[in-house]
Amino acid sequence: MDVSTVTTTTAAPARWRRLAVVRLLRDTTGAVGTLFVLLIVLLAVFAPLITPYAPDEINVLKRLAPPSAEHWMGTDQLGRDTFTRLVYGTRIALLVSLPAVIAGAFVGMLLGLVAGYLGGWVETGLLWLFDVVRSFPALLFAIAVIALTGPSLFMIVFIMALTRFPSYGRLIRAQTLKIREEEFVAASQALGCSPLRVMLRHILPNAVAPLFIQAAMDVPVVITFEAGLSFLGLGVPPPTPSWGSILREGYTYVRATPWLILFGSGFLVVATLGFTFFAEALRDVFDVKIRNEGAN
């Protein structure tokens, strides 16, 4: 293999990554999704610099105040600034969704890889585990567990990771079943590579792309799920600001203060649409790569 071949092989992934970013941003859906996701992330990171008040600062003299120059999105029943609480609520949304999705994807990836590569009774047992976990309705399971342990951020993350990993496991298993029949896998086995090395070095890098897409699509699902639990009073305990708890408080005073529902729903919609659009555009980018590889 000459120098030019090595250079071309090394530059191909970097070139495709640049093209993928361009393709993602050129697509209207991808650009809007990326913009919304960046907005949510920036709000979460720079919340103390953006907000004019503390999220738990009470001012009973200005309770249920309408939107004004002093309080851009009004106040709640305790006089707390709604804009400040919604901005800090982005932190809770990301602190729940991202660790839950990452943990669920990591566990599902490992189990799905083992099931697809080893097969036999190992695959049967892991598929049985996936089916058992998926048979429990996520909301009812969450309500039952939180009723016993009490609401907490850690428990919500744990429940969401536990209920999401079977879908990732089945996805990686399906990819592994397809890739393990490829010639490069047979060649690595013939060279004496251990099963662990074959799985981690040769199969996993070629099977993980759909996992990223599925994980990105699951982020808005987890955000909405956490908001639903908080709306039911089973989310993060007060006075921690959560979009679901803000919506619950707004529903209680909806006739007098509709802005709590309006602005709270707006933040939730922006986050949900942002991650959904971003995941759909990401899927289209990878589909283009797969289609081009098949054509070549």
C-alpha atoms as a PDB file:
ATOM      1  CA  MET A   1       0.000   0.000   0.000  1.00  0.00           C
ATOM      2  CA  ASP A   2       1.546   3.292  -1.103  1.00  0.00           C
ATOM      3  CA  VAL A   3       1.468   6.657   0.641  1.00  0.00           C
ATOM      4  CA  SER A   4      -1.283   8.063  -1.555  1.00  0.00           C
ATOM      5  CA  THR A   5      -3.578   5.146  -0.721  1.00  0.00           C
ATOM      6  CA  VAL A   6      -3.019   5.609   3.018  1.00  0.00           C
ATOM      7  CA  THR A   7      -3.654   9.343   2.741  1.00  0.00           C
ATOM      8  CA  THR A   8      -6.870   8.793   0.790  1.00  0.00           C
ATOM      9  CA  THR A   9      -8.109   6.165   3.255  1.00  0.00           C
ATOM     10  CA  THR A  10      -7.371   8.398   6.232  1.00  0.00           C
ATOM     11  CA  ALA A  11      -8.909  11.502   4.697  1.00  0.00           C
ATOM     12  CA  ALA A  12     -12.149   9.787   3.625  1.00  0.00           C
ATOM     13  CA  PRO A  13     -13.816   9.710   7.086  1.00  0.00           C
ATOM     14  CA  ALA A  14     -12.842  13.313   7.803  1.00  0.00           C
ATOM     15  CA  ARG A  15     -14.161  14.402   4.415  1.00  0.00           C
ATOM     16  CA  TRP A  16     -17.440  12.576   4.981  1.00  0.00           C
ATOM     17  CA  ARG A  17     -17.840  14.205   8.414  1.00  0.00           C
ATOM     18  CA  ARG A  18     -17.483  17.644   6.854  1.00  0.00           C
ATOM     19  CA  LEU A  19     -20.012  16.758   4.171  1.00  0.00           C
ATOM     20  CA  ALA A  20     -22.374  15.382   6.820  1.00  0.00           C
ATOM     21  CA  VAL A  21     -22.283  18.648   8.782  1.00  0.00           C
ATOM     22  CA  VAL A  22     -22.914  20.655   5.620  1.00  0.00           C
ATOM     23  CA  ARG A  23     -25.770  18.360   4.602  1.00  0.00           C
ATOM     24  CA  LEU A  24     -27.263  18.563   8.085  1.00  0.00           C
ATOM     25  CA  LEU A  25     -27.241  22.370   8.146  1.00  0.00           C
ATOM     26  CA  ARG A  26     -28.453  22.756   4.568  1.00  0.00           C
ATOM     27  CA  ASP A  27     -31.600  20.812   5.343  1.00  0.00           C
ATOM     28  CA  THR A  28     -34.287  23.105   6.778  1.00  0.00           C
ATOM     29  CA  THR A  29     -35.393  20.556   9.350  1.00  0.00           C
ATOM     30  CA  GLY A  30     -31.808  19.873  10.386  1.00  0.00           C
ATOM     31  CA  ALA A  31     -30.965  23.571  10.667  1.00  0.00           C
ATOM     32  CA  VAL A  32     -34.053  24.316  12.776  1.00  0.00           C
ATOM     33  CA  GLY A  33     -33.440  21.282  14.974  1.00  0.00           C
ATOM     34  CA  THR A  34     -29.791  22.168  15.482  1.00  0.00           C
ATOM     35  CA  LEU A  35     -30.728  25.757  16.334  1.00  0.00           C
ATOM     36  CA  PHE A  36     -33.326  24.650  18.909  1.00  0.00           C
ATOM     37  CA  VAL A  37     -30.967  22.109  20.475  1.00  0.00           C
ATOM     38  CA  LEU A  38     -28.185  24.696  20.753  1.00  0.00           C
ATOM     39  CA  LEU A  39     -30.659  27.147  22.288  1.00  0.00           C
ATOM     40  CA  ILE A  40     -31.717  24.636  24.951  1.00  0.00           C
ATOM     41  CA  VAL A  41     -28.111  23.707  25.727  1.00  0.00           C
ATOM     42  CA  LEU A  42     -27.010  27.342  25.975  1.00  0.00           C
ATOM     43  CA  LEU A  43     -29.923  28.174  28.277  1.00  0.00           C
ATOM     44  CA  ALA A  44     -28.993  25.270  30.545  1.00  0.00           C
ATOM     45  CA  VAL A  45     -25.270  26.111  30.648  1.00  0.00           C
ATOM     46  CA  PHE A  46     -25.574  29.876  31.071  1.00  0.00           C
ATOM     47  CA  ALA A  47     -28.769  29.989  33.159  1.00  0.00           C
ATOM     48  CA  PRO A  48     -27.212  32.070  36.002  1.00  0.00           C
ATOM     49  CA  LEU A  49     -25.996  34.677  33.498  1.00  0.00           C
ATOM     50  CA  ILE A  50     -29.254  34.867  31.560  1.00  0.00           C
ATOM     51  CA  THR A  51     -31.809  35.026  34.349  1.00  0.00           C
ATOM     52  CA  PRO A  52     -32.356  38.148  36.483  1.00  0.00           C
ATOM     53  CA  TYR A  53     -33.518  36.281  39.607  1.00  0.00           C
ATOM     54  CA  ALA A  54     -32.823  33.131  41.582  1.00  0.00           C
ATOM     55  CA  PRO A  55     -35.163  30.250  40.666  1.00  0.00           C
ATOM     56  CA  ASP A  56     -36.471  29.919  44.243  1.00  0.00           C
ATOM     57  CA  GLU A  57     -36.657  33.655  45.036  1.00  0.00           C
ATOM     58  CA  ILE A  58     -40.108  34.351  46.541  1.00  0.00           C
ATOM     59  CA  ASN A  59     -41.921  37.674  46.367  1.00  0.00           C
ATOM     60  CA  VAL A  60     -45.485  37.272  47.622  1.00  0.00           C
ATOM     61  CA  LEU A  61     -46.270  40.899  46.867  1.00  0.00           C
ATOM     62  CA  LYS A  62     -45.982  40.121  43.154  1.00  0.00           C
ATOM     63  CA  ARG A  63     -47.611  36.714  43.066  1.00  0.00           C
ATOM     64  CA  LEU A  64     -49.396  35.804  39.815  1.00  0.00           C
ATOM     65  CA  ALA A  65     -48.150  39.016  38.182  1.00  0.00           C
ATOM     66  CA  PRO A  66     -48.696  39.220  34.401  1.00  0.00           C
ATOM     67  CA  PRO A  67     -45.799  39.520  31.937  1.00  0.00           C
ATOM     68  CA  SER A  68     -44.024  42.857  32.211  1.00  0.00           C
ATOM     69  CA  ALA A  69     -40.655  44.497  31.723  1.00  0.00           C
ATOM     70  CA  GLU A  70     -39.674  43.369  35.230  1.00  0.00           C
ATOM     71  CA  HIS A  71     -40.963  39.805  34.839  1.00  0.00           C
ATOM     72  CA  TRP A  72     -40.900  38.890  31.145  1.00  0.00           C
ATOM     73  CA  MET A  73     -43.120  35.831  31.549  1.00  0.00           C
ATOM     74  CA  GLY A  74     -44.961  36.797  34.716  1.00  0.00           C
ATOM     75  CA  THR A  75     -44.730  35.150  38.118  1.00  0.00           C
ATOM     76  CA  ASP A  76     -46.241  32.095  39.777  1.00  0.00           C
ATOM     77  CA  GLN A  77     -48.367  31.737  42.904  1.00  0.00           C
ATOM     78  CA  LEU A  78     -45.349  32.459  45.138  1.00  0.00           C
ATOM     79  CA  GLY A  79     -44.103  35.430  43.159  1.00  0.00           C
ATOM     80  CA  ARG A  80     -41.204  33.515  41.606  1.00  0.00           C
ATOM     81  CA  ASP A  81     -40.087  34.678  38.177  1.00  0.00           C
ATOM     82  CA  THR A  82     -41.484  32.304  35.542  1.00  0.00           C
ATOM     83  CA  PHE A  83     -38.787  32.982  32.955  1.00  0.00           C
ATOM     84  CA  THR A  84     -36.055  32.189  35.476  1.00  0.00           C
ATOM     85  CA  ARG A  85     -37.711  28.930  36.519  1.00  0.00           C
ATOM     86  CA  LEU A  86     -38.273  27.866  32.919  1.00  0.00           C
ATOM     87  CA  VAL A  87     -34.646  28.544  32.018  1.00  0.00           C
ATOM     88  CA  TYR A  88     -33.423  26.562  35.010  1.00  0.00           C
ATOM     89  CA  GLY A  89     -35.933  23.881  34.013  1.00  0.00           C
ATOM     90  CA  THR A  90     -33.808  23.234  30.918  1.00  0.00           C
ATOM     91  CA  ARG A  91     -31.117  21.945  33.256  1.00  0.00           C
ATOM     92  CA  ILE A  92     -33.488  19.406  34.770  1.00  0.00           C
ATOM     93  CA  ALA A  93     -34.668  18.334  31.314  1.00  0.00           C
ATOM     94  CA  LEU A  94     -31.100  17.701  30.152  1.00  0.00           C
ATOM     95  CA  LEU A  95     -29.905  16.258  33.477  1.00  0.00           C
ATOM     96  CA  VAL A  96     -32.641  13.630  33.204  1.00  0.00           C
ATOM     97  CA  SER A  97     -32.732  12.913  29.479  1.00  0.00           C
ATOM     98  CA  LEU A  98     -29.037  12.829  28.569  1.00  0.00           C
ATOM     99  CA  PRO A  99     -27.784  10.528  31.389  1.00  0.00           C
ATOM    100  CA  ALA A 100     -30.824   8.260  31.001  1.00  0.00           C
ATOM    101  CA  VAL A 101     -30.374   7.912  27.246  1.00  0.00           C
ATOM    102  CA  ILE A 102     -26.586   7.498  27.487  1.00  0.00           C
ATOM    103  CA  ALA A 103     -26.822   4.873  30.237  1.00  0.00           C
ATOM    104  CA  GLY A 104     -29.616   2.985  28.487  1.00  0.00           C
ATOM    105  CA  ALA A 105     -27.769   3.093  25.155  1.00  0.00           C
ATOM    106  CA  PHE A 106     -24.510   1.900  26.724  1.00  0.00           C
ATOM    107  CA  VAL A 107     -26.101  -1.066  28.499  1.00  0.00           C
ATOM    108  CA  GLY A 108     -28.248  -1.967  25.499  1.00  0.00           C
ATOM    109  CA  MET A 109     -25.248  -1.682  23.176  1.00  0.00           C
ATOM    110  CA  LEU A 110     -23.152  -4.110  25.203  1.00  0.00           C
ATOM    111  CA  LEU A 111     -25.940  -6.639  25.719  1.00  0.00           C
ATOM    112  CA  GLY A 112     -27.097  -6.449  22.107  1.00  0.00           C
ATOM    113  CA  LEU A 113     -23.534  -6.903  20.863  1.00  0.00           C
ATOM    114  CA  VAL A 114     -23.050  -9.994  23.017  1.00  0.00           C
ATOM    115  CA  ALA A 115     -26.428 -11.449  22.026  1.00  0.00           C
ATOM    116  CA  GLY A 116     -25.876 -10.945  18.312  1.00  0.00           C
ATOM    117  CA  TYR A 117     -22.304 -12.233  18.215  1.00  0.00           C
ATOM    118  CA  LEU A 118     -22.430 -15.208  20.571  1.00  0.00           C
ATOM    119  CA  GLY A 119     -25.925 -16.446  19.733  1.00  0.00           C
ATOM    120  CA  GLY A 120     -27.196 -19.679  21.268  1.00  0.00           C
ATOM    121  CA  TRP A 121     -28.491 -19.726  24.816  1.00  0.00           C
ATOM    122  CA  VAL A 122     -26.831 -16.371  25.561  1.00  0.00           C
ATOM    123  CA  GLU A 123     -28.889 -14.702  22.836  1.00  0.00           C
ATOM    124  CA  THR A 124     -32.048 -16.467  23.974  1.00  0.00           C
ATOM    125  CA  GLY A 125     -31.562 -15.373  27.577  1.00  0.00           C
ATOM    126  CA  LEU A 126     -30.847 -11.757  26.674  1.00  0.00           C
ATOM    127  CA  LEU A 127     -33.832 -11.582  24.323  1.00  0.00           C
ATOM    128  CA  TRP A 128     -35.979 -12.938  27.147  1.00  0.00           C
ATOM    129  CA  LEU A 129     -34.604 -10.192  29.416  1.00  0.00           C
ATOM    130  CA  PHE A 130     -35.391  -7.534  26.790  1.00  0.00           C
ATOM    131  CA  ASP A 131     -38.956  -8.799  26.421  1.00  0.00           C
ATOM    132  CA  VAL A 132     -39.547  -8.959  30.184  1.00  0.00           C
ATOM    133  CA  VAL A 133     -38.361  -5.388  30.752  1.00  0.00           C
ATOM    134  CA  ARG A 134     -40.328  -4.064  27.774  1.00  0.00           C
ATOM    135  CA  SER A 135     -43.500  -5.772  29.005  1.00  0.00           C
ATOM    136  CA  PHE A 136     -43.793  -3.313  31.909  1.00  0.00           C
ATOM    137  CA  PRO A 137     -45.574  -0.052  30.981  1.00  0.00           C
ATOM    138  CA  ALA A 138     -42.990   2.655  31.650  1.00  0.00           C
ATOM    139  CA  LEU A 139     -45.382   5.104  33.293  1.00  0.00           C
ATOM    140  CA  LEU A 140     -46.977   2.559  35.625  1.00  0.00           C
ATOM    141  CA  PHE A 141     -43.564   1.148  36.500  1.00  0.00           C
ATOM    142  CA  ALA A 142     -42.280   4.646  37.294  1.00  0.00           C
ATOM    143  CA  ILE A 143     -45.294   5.462  39.448  1.00  0.00           C
ATOM    144  CA  ALA A 144     -44.916   2.213  41.410  1.00  0.00           C
ATOM    145  CA  VAL A 145     -41.175   2.642  42.009  1.00  0.00           C
ATOM    146  CA  ILE A 146     -41.372   6.328  42.929  1.00  0.00           C
ATOM    147  CA  ALA A 147     -44.283   5.642  45.272  1.00  0.00           C
ATOM    148  CA  LEU A 148     -41.995   3.259  47.175  1.00  0.00           C
ATOM    149  CA  THR A 149     -38.729   5.205  47.041  1.00  0.00           C
ATOM    150  CA  GLY A 150     -39.901   8.814  46.801  1.00  0.00           C
ATOM    151  CA  PRO A 151     -39.269  11.261  43.956  1.00  0.00           C
ATOM    152  CA  SER A 152     -35.682  12.102  43.099  1.00  0.00           C
ATOM    153  CA  LEU A 153     -33.614  13.009  40.060  1.00  0.00           C
ATOM    154  CA  PHE A 154     -31.519   9.850  40.314  1.00  0.00           C
ATOM    155  CA  MET A 155     -34.568   7.590  40.460  1.00  0.00           C
ATOM    156  CA  ILE A 156     -36.096   9.157  37.341  1.00  0.00           C
ATOM    157  CA  VAL A 157     -32.829   8.704  35.431  1.00  0.00           C
ATOM    158  CA  PHE A 158     -32.575   5.097  36.631  1.00  0.00           C
ATOM    159  CA  ILE A 159     -36.160   4.278  35.619  1.00  0.00           C
ATOM    160  CA  MET A 160     -35.809   5.823  32.180  1.00  0.00           C
ATOM    161  CA  ALA A 161     -32.474   4.086  31.503  1.00  0.00           C
ATOM    162  CA  LEU A 162     -33.943   0.779  32.647  1.00  0.00           C
ATOM    163  CA  THR A 163     -36.996   1.047  30.422  1.00  0.00           C
ATOM    164  CA  ARG A 164     -35.063   2.245  27.345  1.00  0.00           C
ATOM    165  CA  PHE A 165     -32.132  -0.197  27.125  1.00  0.00           C
ATOM    166  CA  PRO A 166     -34.084  -3.145  25.597  1.00  0.00           C
ATOM    167  CA  SER A 167     -34.837  -1.180  22.422  1.00  0.00           C
ATOM    168  CA  TYR A 168     -31.151  -0.301  22.041  1.00  0.00           C
ATOM    169  CA  GLY A 169     -30.178  -3.911  22.720  1.00  0.00           C
ATOM    170  CA  ARG A 170     -32.451  -5.264  20.004  1.00  0.00           C
ATOM    171  CA  LEU A 171     -31.221  -2.640  17.555  1.00  0.00           C
ATOM    172  CA  ILE A 172     -27.533  -3.485  18.099  1.00  0.00           C
ATOM    173  CA  ARG A 173     -28.294  -7.207  18.014  1.00  0.00           C
ATOM    174  CA  ALA A 174     -29.905  -6.844  14.590  1.00  0.00           C
ATOM    175  CA  GLN A 175     -26.916  -4.858  13.325  1.00  0.00           C
ATOM    176  CA  THR A 176     -24.485  -7.395  14.783  1.00  0.00           C
ATOM    177  CA  LEU A 177     -26.270 -10.338  13.131  1.00  0.00           C
ATOM    178  CA  LYS A 178     -25.801  -8.644   9.770  1.00  0.00           C
ATOM    179  CA  ILE A 179     -22.203  -7.490  10.246  1.00  0.00           C
ATOM    180  CA  ARG A 180     -20.827 -10.716  11.722  1.00  0.00           C
ATOM    181  CA  GLU A 181     -21.328 -12.397   8.344  1.00  0.00           C
ATOM    182  CA  GLU A 182     -19.038  -9.920   6.579  1.00  0.00           C
ATOM    183  CA  GLU A 183     -15.690 -11.071   5.226  1.00  0.00           C
ATOM    184  CA  PHE A 184     -13.582  -8.760   7.398  1.00  0.00           C
ATOM    185  CA  VAL A 185     -15.091 -10.361  10.520  1.00  0.00           C
ATOM    186  CA  ALA A 186     -14.282 -13.845   9.240  1.00  0.00           C
ATOM    187  CA  ALA A 187     -10.744 -12.673   8.424  1.00  0.00           C
ATOM    188  CA  SER A 188     -10.208 -11.300  11.938  1.00  0.00           C
ATOM    189  CA  GLN A 189     -11.455 -14.572  13.414  1.00  0.00           C
ATOM    190  CA  ALA A 190      -9.113 -16.537  11.148  1.00  0.00           C
ATOM    191  CA  LEU A 191      -6.210 -14.422  12.368  1.00  0.00           C
ATOM    192  CA  GLY A 192      -6.941 -15.551  15.924  1.00  0.00           C
ATOM    193  CA  CYS A 193      -8.568 -12.401  17.332  1.00  0.00           C
ATOM    194  CA  SER A 194     -10.476 -12.987  20.538  1.00  0.00           C
ATOM    195  CA  PRO A 195     -14.290 -12.623  20.506  1.00  0.00           C
ATOM    196  CA  LEU A 196     -13.999  -9.481  22.656  1.00  0.00           C
ATOM    197  CA  ARG A 197     -11.604  -7.878  20.187  1.00  0.00           C
ATOM    198  CA  VAL A 198     -13.759  -8.823  17.216  1.00  0.00           C
ATOM    199  CA  MET A 199     -16.847  -7.345  18.854  1.00  0.00           C
ATOM    200  CA  LEU A 200     -15.258  -4.101  20.049  1.00  0.00           C
ATOM    201  CA  ARG A 201     -12.799  -3.388  17.220  1.00  0.00           C
ATOM    202  CA  HIS A 202     -14.556  -4.731  14.147  1.00  0.00           C
ATOM    203  CA  ILE A 203     -18.314  -5.094  14.716  1.00  0.00           C
ATOM    204  CA  LEU A 204     -19.208  -2.274  17.099  1.00  0.00           C
ATOM    205  CA  PRO A 205     -17.788   0.645  15.033  1.00  0.00           C
ATOM    206  CA  ASN A 206     -19.854  -0.538  12.053  1.00  0.00           C
ATOM    207  CA  ALA A 207     -23.034  -1.170  14.052  1.00  0.00           C
ATOM    208  CA  VAL A 208     -23.233   1.892  16.295  1.00  0.00           C
ATOM    209  CA  ALA A 209     -24.481   4.546  13.827  1.00  0.00           C
ATOM    210  CA  PRO A 210     -28.193   3.613  14.095  1.00  0.00           C
ATOM    211  CA  LEU A 211     -27.805   3.658  17.869  1.00  0.00           C
ATOM    212  CA  PHE A 212     -26.863   7.350  17.812  1.00  0.00           C
ATOM    213  CA  ILE A 213     -29.930   8.137  15.736  1.00  0.00           C
ATOM    214  CA  GLN A 214     -32.242   6.173  18.023  1.00  0.00           C
ATOM    215  CA  ALA A 215     -30.711   7.810  21.101  1.00  0.00           C
ATOM    216  CA  ALA A 216     -31.236  11.285  19.639  1.00  0.00           C
ATOM    217  CA  MET A 217     -34.876  10.402  18.941  1.00  0.00           C
ATOM    218  CA  ASP A 218     -35.342   9.185  22.506  1.00  0.00           C
ATOM    219  CA  VAL A 219     -34.129  12.411  24.149  1.00  0.00           C
ATOM    220  CA  PRO A 220     -37.451  14.276  23.584  1.00  0.00           C
ATOM    221  CA  VAL A 221     -39.326  11.153  24.729  1.00  0.00           C
ATOM    222  CA  VAL A 222     -37.474  11.195  28.058  1.00  0.00           C
ATOM    223  CA  ILE A 223     -37.910  14.956  28.428  1.00  0.00           C
ATOM    224  CA  THR A 224     -41.656  14.611  27.927  1.00  0.00           C
ATOM    225  CA  PHE A 225     -41.791  11.630  30.294  1.00  0.00           C
ATOM    226  CA  GLU A 226     -40.041  13.577  33.058  1.00  0.00           C
ATOM    227  CA  ALA A 227     -42.366  16.521  32.507  1.00  0.00           C
ATOM    228  CA  GLY A 228     -45.334  14.169  32.797  1.00  0.00           C
ATOM    229  CA  LEU A 229     -44.076  12.725  36.077  1.00  0.00           C
ATOM    230  CA  SER A 230     -43.461  16.211  37.453  1.00  0.00           C
ATOM    231  CA  PHE A 231     -46.939  17.246  36.354  1.00  0.00           C
ATOM    232  CA  LEU A 232     -48.280  14.346  38.430  1.00  0.00           C
ATOM    233  CA  GLY A 233     -46.128  15.400  41.390  1.00  0.00           C
ATOM    234  CA  LEU A 234     -43.776  12.417  41.004  1.00  0.00           C
ATOM    235  CA  GLY A 235     -40.832  14.193  39.400  1.00  0.00           C
ATOM    236  CA  VAL A 236     -37.990  16.102  40.995  1.00  0.00           C
ATOM    237  CA  PRO A 237     -39.021  17.383  44.434  1.00  0.00           C
ATOM    238  CA  PRO A 238     -39.810  21.098  44.932  1.00  0.00           C
ATOM    239  CA  PRO A 239     -38.588  23.787  44.898  1.00  0.00           C
ATOM    240  CA  THR A 240     -36.430  22.481  42.022  1.00  0.00           C
ATOM    241  CA  PRO A 241     -37.869  24.025  38.845  1.00  0.00           C
ATOM    242  CA  SER A 242     -39.165  21.523  36.308  1.00  0.00           C
ATOM    243  CA  TRP A 243     -41.259  22.187  33.237  1.00  0.00           C
ATOM    244  CA  GLY A 244     -43.823  19.641  34.389  1.00  0.00           C
ATOM    245  CA  SER A 245     -44.217  21.165  37.850  1.00  0.00           C
ATOM    246  CA  ILE A 246     -44.527  24.648  36.306  1.00  0.00           C
ATOM    247  CA  LEU A 247     -47.293  23.343  34.046  1.00  0.00           C
ATOM    248  CA  ARG A 248     -49.029  21.762  37.046  1.00  0.00           C
ATOM    249  CA  GLU A 249     -48.935  25.059  38.928  1.00  0.00           C
ATOM    250  CA  GLY A 250     -50.153  26.876  35.825  1.00  0.00           C
ATOM    251  CA  TYR A 251     -53.044  24.435  35.425  1.00  0.00           C
ATOM    252  CA  THR A 252     -54.145  25.168  38.988  1.00  0.00           C
ATOM    253  CA  TYR A 253     -54.377  28.901  38.212  1.00  0.00           C
ATOM    254  CA  VAL A 254     -55.117  28.621  34.493  1.00  0.00           C
ATOM    255  CA  ARG A 255     -58.088  31.026  34.566  1.00  0.00           C
ATOM    256  CA  ALA A 256     -56.135  33.784  36.290  1.00  0.00           C
ATOM    257  CA  THR A 257     -52.648  33.145  34.869  1.00  0.00           C
ATOM    258  CA  PRO A 258     -52.742  31.459  31.439  1.00  0.00           C
ATOM    259  CA  TRP A 259     -49.175  32.579  30.743  1.00  0.00           C
ATOM    260  CA  LEU A 260     -47.769  29.849  32.991  1.00  0.00           C
ATOM    261  CA  ILE A 261     -49.293  27.204  30.729  1.00  0.00           C
ATOM    262  CA  LEU A 262     -48.465  29.135  27.561  1.00  0.00           C
ATOM    263  CA  PHE A 263     -44.786  29.758  28.243  1.00  0.00           C
ATOM    264  CA  GLY A 264     -44.222  26.421  29.985  1.00  0.00           C
ATOM    265  CA  SER A 265     -45.656  24.554  27.016  1.00  0.00           C
ATOM    266  CA  GLY A 266     -43.578  26.694  24.671  1.00  0.00           C
ATOM    267  CA  PHE A 267     -40.286  25.610  26.256  1.00  0.00           C
ATOM    268  CA  LEU A 268     -41.378  21.972  26.168  1.00  0.00           C
ATOM    269  CA  VAL A 269     -42.423  22.221  22.518  1.00  0.00           C
ATOM    270  CA  VAL A 270     -39.138  23.871  21.486  1.00  0.00           C
ATOM    271  CA  ALA A 271     -37.079  21.160  23.194  1.00  0.00           C
ATOM    272  CA  THR A 272     -39.200  18.331  21.791  1.00  0.00           C
ATOM    273  CA  LEU A 273     -39.248  19.673  18.251  1.00  0.00           C
ATOM    274  CA  GLY A 274     -35.565  20.570  18.370  1.00  0.00           C
ATOM    275  CA  PHE A 275     -34.335  17.096  19.294  1.00  0.00           C
ATOM    276  CA  THR A 276     -36.897  15.419  17.005  1.00  0.00           C
ATOM    277  CA  PHE A 277     -35.912  17.514  13.980  1.00  0.00           C
ATOM    278  CA  PHE A 278     -32.224  17.040  14.760  1.00  0.00           C
ATOM    279  CA  ALA A 279     -32.631  13.246  15.013  1.00  0.00           C
ATOM    280  CA  GLU A 280     -34.612  13.056  11.766  1.00  0.00           C
ATOM    281  CA  ALA A 281     -32.006  15.094   9.910  1.00  0.00           C
ATOM    282  CA  LEU A 282     -29.254  12.952  11.425  1.00  0.00           C
ATOM    283  CA  ARG A 283     -31.039   9.839  10.188  1.00  0.00           C
ATOM    284  CA  ASP A 284     -31.260  11.287   6.676  1.00  0.00           C
ATOM    285  CA  VAL A 285     -27.532  12.067   6.720  1.00  0.00           C
ATOM    286  CA  PHE A 286     -26.646   8.505   7.676  1.00  0.00           C
ATOM    287  CA  ASP A 287     -29.103   7.138   5.118  1.00  0.00           C
ATOM    288  CA  VAL A 288     -27.245   9.116   2.450  1.00  0.00           C
ATOM    289  CA  LYS A 289     -23.953   7.631   3.624  1.00  0.00           C
ATOM    290  CA  ILE A 290     -25.380   4.111   3.578  1.00  0.00           C
ATOM    291  CA  ARG A 291     -26.937   4.658   0.171  1.00  0.00           C
ATOM    292  CA  ASN A 292     -23.679   6.016  -1.271  1.00  0.00           C
ATOM    293  CA  GLU A 293     -21.695   3.128   0.201  1.00  0.00           C
ATOM    294  CA  GLY A 294     -24.118   0.680  -1.378  1.00  0.00           C
ATOM    295  CA  ALA A 295     -23.761   2.413  -4.740  1.00  0.00           C
ATOM    296  CA  ASN A 296     -19.983   2.203  -4.555  1.00  0.00           C
END
